[in-house]
N, C-alpha and C. Protein backbone atom coordinates (compact mmCIF):
# COMPACT_ATOMS: atom_id res chain seq x y z
N UNK A 1 96.64 80.69 84.35
CA UNK A 1 97.35 81.47 85.35
C UNK A 1 97.98 82.71 84.72
N UNK A 2 97.87 83.81 85.43
CA UNK A 2 98.44 85.07 84.97
C UNK A 2 99.96 85.01 85.09
N UNK A 3 100.66 85.28 84.00
CA UNK A 3 102.12 85.24 84.00
C UNK A 3 102.74 86.62 83.83
N UNK A 4 102.00 87.55 83.24
CA UNK A 4 102.56 88.88 82.95
C UNK A 4 101.50 89.95 83.21
N UNK A 5 101.90 91.00 83.93
CA UNK A 5 101.02 92.12 84.19
C UNK A 5 101.84 93.39 84.00
N UNK A 6 101.51 94.13 82.96
CA UNK A 6 102.23 95.36 82.63
C UNK A 6 101.38 96.56 83.02
N UNK A 7 101.90 97.40 83.89
CA UNK A 7 101.15 98.54 84.41
C UNK A 7 101.86 99.88 84.17
N UNK A 8 103.03 99.86 83.56
CA UNK A 8 103.75 101.11 83.29
C UNK A 8 102.86 102.00 82.44
N UNK A 9 102.82 103.27 82.82
CA UNK A 9 101.99 104.22 82.11
C UNK A 9 100.63 104.43 82.76
N UNK A 10 100.31 103.65 83.77
CA UNK A 10 99.04 103.82 84.50
C UNK A 10 99.27 104.80 85.64
N UNK A 11 99.40 106.07 85.30
CA UNK A 11 99.74 107.09 86.29
C UNK A 11 98.68 107.25 87.38
N UNK A 12 97.45 106.91 87.10
CA UNK A 12 96.39 107.09 88.08
C UNK A 12 96.25 105.89 89.02
N UNK A 13 97.04 104.87 88.82
CA UNK A 13 97.00 103.70 89.69
C UNK A 13 97.46 104.09 91.08
N UNK A 14 96.63 103.86 92.08
CA UNK A 14 96.94 104.27 93.45
C UNK A 14 97.31 103.10 94.35
N UNK A 15 96.91 101.90 93.99
CA UNK A 15 97.20 100.73 94.81
C UNK A 15 96.97 99.46 94.00
N UNK A 16 97.46 98.37 94.53
CA UNK A 16 97.27 97.07 93.91
C UNK A 16 96.03 96.42 94.52
N UNK A 17 95.40 95.50 93.81
CA UNK A 17 94.21 94.85 94.37
C UNK A 17 94.58 93.81 95.44
N UNK A 18 93.70 93.67 96.39
CA UNK A 18 93.84 92.60 97.38
C UNK A 18 93.72 91.29 96.62
N UNK A 19 94.59 90.34 96.90
CA UNK A 19 94.55 89.04 96.24
C UNK A 19 95.58 88.88 95.14
N UNK A 20 96.25 89.95 94.74
CA UNK A 20 97.28 89.82 93.71
C UNK A 20 98.34 88.81 94.14
N UNK A 21 98.60 88.72 95.42
CA UNK A 21 99.59 87.78 95.93
C UNK A 21 99.24 86.32 95.70
N UNK A 22 98.00 86.04 95.33
CA UNK A 22 97.59 84.67 95.02
C UNK A 22 98.00 84.26 93.61
N UNK A 23 98.46 85.18 92.81
CA UNK A 23 98.91 84.89 91.43
C UNK A 23 100.37 84.45 91.47
N UNK A 24 100.63 83.33 92.10
CA UNK A 24 102.00 82.90 92.35
C UNK A 24 102.76 82.51 91.08
N UNK A 25 102.06 82.35 89.97
CA UNK A 25 102.73 82.05 88.70
C UNK A 25 103.18 83.31 87.97
N UNK A 26 102.88 84.47 88.53
CA UNK A 26 103.24 85.74 87.90
C UNK A 26 104.76 85.86 87.77
N UNK A 27 105.23 86.09 86.53
CA UNK A 27 106.67 86.17 86.27
C UNK A 27 107.11 87.60 85.96
N UNK A 28 106.25 88.38 85.35
CA UNK A 28 106.61 89.75 84.96
C UNK A 28 105.59 90.74 85.50
N UNK A 29 106.06 91.59 86.37
CA UNK A 29 105.26 92.67 86.94
C UNK A 29 106.17 93.89 86.92
N UNK A 30 105.84 94.86 86.10
CA UNK A 30 106.76 95.99 85.96
C UNK A 30 106.62 97.03 87.06
N UNK A 31 105.39 97.24 87.57
CA UNK A 31 105.16 98.25 88.60
C UNK A 31 104.27 97.69 89.70
N UNK A 32 104.65 97.94 90.93
CA UNK A 32 103.83 97.59 92.08
C UNK A 32 103.63 98.86 92.90
N UNK A 33 102.38 99.28 93.08
CA UNK A 33 102.08 100.50 93.82
C UNK A 33 101.57 100.11 95.19
N UNK A 34 102.27 100.59 96.22
CA UNK A 34 101.88 100.29 97.60
C UNK A 34 101.39 101.55 98.27
N UNK A 35 100.20 101.51 98.78
CA UNK A 35 99.64 102.68 99.46
C UNK A 35 100.22 102.79 100.87
N UNK A 36 100.21 103.97 101.40
CA UNK A 36 100.66 104.18 102.76
C UNK A 36 99.50 104.20 103.72
N UNK A 37 99.80 104.34 104.98
CA UNK A 37 98.77 104.38 106.01
C UNK A 37 97.86 105.59 105.88
N UNK A 38 98.30 106.59 105.17
CA UNK A 38 97.47 107.80 105.05
C UNK A 38 96.16 107.50 104.34
N UNK A 39 96.10 106.43 103.55
CA UNK A 39 94.86 106.06 102.87
C UNK A 39 94.21 104.83 103.49
N UNK A 40 94.82 104.28 104.50
CA UNK A 40 94.35 103.03 105.09
C UNK A 40 92.89 103.12 105.52
N UNK A 41 92.10 102.21 104.99
CA UNK A 41 90.71 102.13 105.38
C UNK A 41 89.82 103.22 104.81
N UNK A 42 90.33 104.02 103.90
CA UNK A 42 89.53 105.10 103.34
C UNK A 42 89.33 104.87 101.85
N UNK A 43 88.09 104.81 101.44
CA UNK A 43 87.77 104.67 100.03
C UNK A 43 87.94 106.03 99.37
N UNK A 44 88.89 106.18 98.42
CA UNK A 44 89.12 107.49 97.81
C UNK A 44 87.92 108.01 97.04
N UNK A 45 87.04 107.12 96.58
CA UNK A 45 85.85 107.54 95.86
C UNK A 45 84.73 107.99 96.80
N UNK A 46 84.74 107.45 98.02
CA UNK A 46 83.73 107.78 99.04
C UNK A 46 84.43 107.88 100.38
N UNK A 47 85.04 109.02 100.70
CA UNK A 47 85.82 109.15 101.93
C UNK A 47 85.09 108.75 103.20
N UNK A 48 83.77 108.81 103.22
CA UNK A 48 83.02 108.42 104.41
C UNK A 48 82.97 106.92 104.62
N UNK A 49 83.17 106.13 103.54
CA UNK A 49 83.16 104.67 103.65
C UNK A 49 84.54 104.18 104.01
N UNK A 50 84.74 103.80 105.24
CA UNK A 50 86.07 103.34 105.63
C UNK A 50 86.08 101.90 106.09
N UNK A 51 84.92 101.31 106.33
CA UNK A 51 84.89 99.97 106.91
C UNK A 51 85.19 98.86 105.93
N UNK A 52 84.65 98.93 104.71
CA UNK A 52 84.74 97.81 103.79
C UNK A 52 85.78 97.99 102.70
N UNK A 53 86.59 98.99 102.79
CA UNK A 53 87.53 99.28 101.72
C UNK A 53 88.91 98.72 102.06
N UNK A 54 89.38 97.81 101.24
CA UNK A 54 90.70 97.23 101.44
C UNK A 54 91.49 97.34 100.15
N UNK A 55 92.78 97.60 100.29
CA UNK A 55 93.66 97.65 99.13
C UNK A 55 94.88 96.79 99.41
N UNK A 56 95.53 96.36 98.36
CA UNK A 56 96.70 95.51 98.51
C UNK A 56 97.92 96.30 98.92
N UNK A 57 98.58 95.85 99.96
CA UNK A 57 99.81 96.47 100.42
C UNK A 57 101.01 95.66 99.99
N UNK A 58 102.16 95.96 100.55
CA UNK A 58 103.40 95.28 100.18
C UNK A 58 103.35 93.78 100.44
N UNK A 59 102.51 93.34 101.36
CA UNK A 59 102.40 91.90 101.64
C UNK A 59 101.90 91.11 100.43
N UNK A 60 101.25 91.80 99.48
CA UNK A 60 100.80 91.11 98.27
C UNK A 60 101.99 90.59 97.45
N UNK A 61 103.17 91.17 97.65
CA UNK A 61 104.37 90.71 96.95
C UNK A 61 104.97 89.44 97.59
N UNK A 62 104.57 89.14 98.80
CA UNK A 62 105.23 88.11 99.59
C UNK A 62 105.43 86.79 98.86
N UNK A 63 104.39 86.26 98.26
CA UNK A 63 104.47 84.93 97.63
C UNK A 63 104.77 84.97 96.14
N UNK A 64 105.02 86.15 95.58
CA UNK A 64 105.29 86.27 94.14
C UNK A 64 106.77 86.04 93.86
N UNK A 65 107.25 84.85 94.19
CA UNK A 65 108.68 84.55 94.09
C UNK A 65 109.13 84.13 92.70
N UNK A 66 108.21 84.09 91.74
CA UNK A 66 108.60 83.80 90.36
C UNK A 66 108.84 85.06 89.54
N UNK A 67 108.74 86.22 90.18
CA UNK A 67 109.00 87.47 89.47
C UNK A 67 110.43 87.49 88.96
N UNK A 68 110.59 87.99 87.74
CA UNK A 68 111.92 88.05 87.15
C UNK A 68 112.10 89.36 86.40
N UNK A 69 113.34 89.68 86.11
CA UNK A 69 113.63 90.91 85.37
C UNK A 69 113.60 92.13 86.25
N UNK A 70 112.83 93.13 85.83
CA UNK A 70 112.81 94.43 86.49
C UNK A 70 111.48 94.66 87.21
N UNK A 71 111.57 95.23 88.41
CA UNK A 71 110.38 95.59 89.18
C UNK A 71 110.57 96.99 89.76
N UNK A 72 109.55 97.82 89.62
CA UNK A 72 109.52 99.13 90.27
C UNK A 72 108.47 99.09 91.36
N UNK A 73 108.86 99.44 92.57
CA UNK A 73 107.93 99.54 93.68
C UNK A 73 107.75 101.01 94.00
N UNK A 74 106.53 101.48 93.87
CA UNK A 74 106.22 102.86 94.19
C UNK A 74 105.56 102.88 95.56
N UNK A 75 106.23 103.49 96.52
CA UNK A 75 105.72 103.55 97.89
C UNK A 75 105.09 104.92 98.08
N UNK A 76 103.80 104.92 98.31
CA UNK A 76 103.03 106.15 98.44
C UNK A 76 102.46 106.26 99.85
N UNK A 77 102.85 107.28 100.55
CA UNK A 77 102.28 107.51 101.87
C UNK A 77 103.27 107.34 102.99
N UNK A 78 102.75 107.37 104.16
CA UNK A 78 103.56 107.31 105.38
C UNK A 78 103.54 105.90 105.97
N UNK A 79 104.70 105.41 106.33
CA UNK A 79 104.82 104.08 106.91
C UNK A 79 105.44 104.20 108.29
N UNK A 80 105.11 103.28 109.17
CA UNK A 80 105.55 103.42 110.55
C UNK A 80 106.66 102.46 110.96
N UNK A 81 106.90 101.42 110.18
CA UNK A 81 107.92 100.45 110.60
C UNK A 81 108.51 99.72 109.40
N UNK A 82 109.54 98.97 109.67
CA UNK A 82 110.18 98.15 108.64
C UNK A 82 109.34 96.94 108.27
N UNK A 83 108.42 96.54 109.12
CA UNK A 83 107.68 95.29 108.90
C UNK A 83 106.87 95.32 107.61
N UNK A 84 106.34 96.47 107.22
CA UNK A 84 105.60 96.55 105.97
C UNK A 84 106.51 96.23 104.78
N UNK A 85 107.74 96.73 104.84
CA UNK A 85 108.69 96.46 103.75
C UNK A 85 109.14 95.00 103.77
N UNK A 86 109.39 94.47 104.95
CA UNK A 86 109.78 93.05 105.05
C UNK A 86 108.72 92.12 104.51
N UNK A 87 107.46 92.53 104.64
CA UNK A 87 106.35 91.70 104.17
C UNK A 87 106.42 91.45 102.67
N UNK A 88 107.14 92.29 101.93
CA UNK A 88 107.28 92.10 100.49
C UNK A 88 108.15 90.89 100.15
N UNK A 89 108.95 90.44 101.10
CA UNK A 89 109.80 89.26 100.92
C UNK A 89 110.70 89.39 99.67
N UNK A 90 111.42 90.49 99.56
CA UNK A 90 112.30 90.67 98.41
C UNK A 90 113.45 89.67 98.43
N UNK A 91 113.78 89.12 99.59
CA UNK A 91 114.81 88.07 99.66
C UNK A 91 114.43 86.87 98.81
N UNK A 92 113.14 86.58 98.72
CA UNK A 92 112.67 85.42 97.97
C UNK A 92 112.56 85.63 96.48
N UNK A 93 112.87 86.80 96.00
CA UNK A 93 112.76 87.11 94.57
C UNK A 93 114.11 86.92 93.90
N UNK A 94 114.54 85.68 93.78
CA UNK A 94 115.88 85.34 93.28
C UNK A 94 116.07 85.66 91.81
N UNK A 95 114.99 85.77 91.05
CA UNK A 95 115.10 86.00 89.61
C UNK A 95 115.02 87.47 89.23
N UNK A 96 114.79 88.34 90.22
CA UNK A 96 114.80 89.77 89.92
C UNK A 96 116.23 90.24 89.69
N UNK A 97 116.44 91.00 88.62
CA UNK A 97 117.78 91.51 88.33
C UNK A 97 117.87 93.01 88.52
N UNK A 98 116.73 93.70 88.42
CA UNK A 98 116.71 95.16 88.57
C UNK A 98 115.54 95.54 89.47
N UNK A 99 115.84 96.38 90.46
CA UNK A 99 114.82 96.84 91.38
C UNK A 99 114.91 98.34 91.53
N UNK A 100 113.77 98.99 91.37
CA UNK A 100 113.69 100.44 91.57
C UNK A 100 112.67 100.69 92.67
N UNK A 101 113.08 101.41 93.70
CA UNK A 101 112.18 101.78 94.77
C UNK A 101 111.97 103.28 94.68
N UNK A 102 110.73 103.67 94.47
CA UNK A 102 110.40 105.08 94.27
C UNK A 102 109.49 105.54 95.41
N UNK A 103 109.99 106.48 96.21
CA UNK A 103 109.20 107.05 97.28
C UNK A 103 108.48 108.29 96.76
N UNK A 104 107.17 108.30 96.88
CA UNK A 104 106.38 109.44 96.42
C UNK A 104 105.60 110.07 97.56
N UNK A 105 105.94 109.75 98.77
CA UNK A 105 105.28 110.31 99.94
C UNK A 105 106.00 109.89 101.20
N UNK A 106 105.59 110.43 102.30
CA UNK A 106 106.22 110.10 103.58
C UNK A 106 107.43 110.97 103.84
N UNK A 107 107.86 110.98 105.08
CA UNK A 107 109.03 111.78 105.46
C UNK A 107 110.31 111.02 105.15
N UNK A 108 111.43 111.70 105.22
CA UNK A 108 112.73 111.06 105.01
C UNK A 108 112.93 109.94 106.02
N UNK A 109 112.54 110.17 107.25
CA UNK A 109 112.68 109.15 108.31
C UNK A 109 111.84 107.91 107.98
N UNK A 110 110.60 108.11 107.54
CA UNK A 110 109.74 106.99 107.15
C UNK A 110 110.37 106.19 106.01
N UNK A 111 110.89 106.91 105.03
CA UNK A 111 111.49 106.26 103.87
C UNK A 111 112.74 105.48 104.24
N UNK A 112 113.55 106.00 105.15
CA UNK A 112 114.74 105.27 105.62
C UNK A 112 114.34 103.98 106.33
N UNK A 113 113.30 104.03 107.13
CA UNK A 113 112.82 102.83 107.81
C UNK A 113 112.37 101.79 106.80
N UNK A 114 111.68 102.24 105.75
CA UNK A 114 111.24 101.31 104.71
C UNK A 114 112.43 100.66 104.03
N UNK A 115 113.44 101.44 103.71
CA UNK A 115 114.63 100.89 103.04
C UNK A 115 115.29 99.81 103.86
N UNK A 116 115.35 99.99 105.16
CA UNK A 116 115.95 98.98 106.04
C UNK A 116 115.17 97.68 105.99
N UNK A 117 113.88 97.75 105.78
CA UNK A 117 113.06 96.56 105.77
C UNK A 117 113.02 95.82 104.45
N UNK A 118 113.29 96.50 103.34
CA UNK A 118 113.15 95.85 102.04
C UNK A 118 114.10 94.67 101.86
N UNK A 119 115.36 94.79 102.17
CA UNK A 119 116.34 93.70 102.09
C UNK A 119 116.22 92.87 100.81
N UNK A 120 116.60 93.44 99.66
CA UNK A 120 116.48 92.70 98.40
C UNK A 120 117.46 91.53 98.31
N UNK A 121 117.17 90.64 97.40
CA UNK A 121 117.99 89.46 97.16
C UNK A 121 119.37 89.88 96.64
N UNK A 122 120.37 89.10 96.97
CA UNK A 122 121.76 89.40 96.57
C UNK A 122 121.98 89.24 95.06
N UNK A 123 121.06 88.63 94.35
CA UNK A 123 121.22 88.42 92.90
C UNK A 123 120.93 89.68 92.07
N UNK A 124 120.48 90.74 92.71
CA UNK A 124 120.21 91.98 91.97
C UNK A 124 121.47 92.50 91.29
N UNK A 125 121.30 92.99 90.06
CA UNK A 125 122.40 93.64 89.37
C UNK A 125 122.31 95.15 89.46
N UNK A 126 121.06 95.66 89.60
CA UNK A 126 120.84 97.10 89.68
C UNK A 126 119.82 97.40 90.76
N UNK A 127 120.11 98.42 91.56
CA UNK A 127 119.19 98.91 92.57
C UNK A 127 119.12 100.42 92.46
N UNK A 128 117.92 100.93 92.22
CA UNK A 128 117.71 102.38 92.08
C UNK A 128 116.77 102.82 93.19
N UNK A 129 117.13 103.91 93.84
CA UNK A 129 116.29 104.47 94.91
C UNK A 129 116.06 105.94 94.61
């Protein structure tokens, strides 16, 4: 079982893979990149192929409740509701001590809606936005 995944320094990373949420034994994940709806269904390598292209969204974080230490979530793109952020289930991440949420796209209004949905666990010692 995968316990540690270090992605810091992977500047070209645009999204997480579908199925990452099945790695429930994962304890250390330093960066999680969530794509926005602006890329939904579009293969960046072949823009005409939109049917079979899937990427992991914030819901991939839902079952990763063994994460501990520090996590950076990079939100890229435009989001329409709080439900995408709630899908991350940050309430269930009791062992996280530091959380950084980095918005790299979307409007101020979209980003505010996302913040309302994240609802991190009360055990956090540091929260950076």
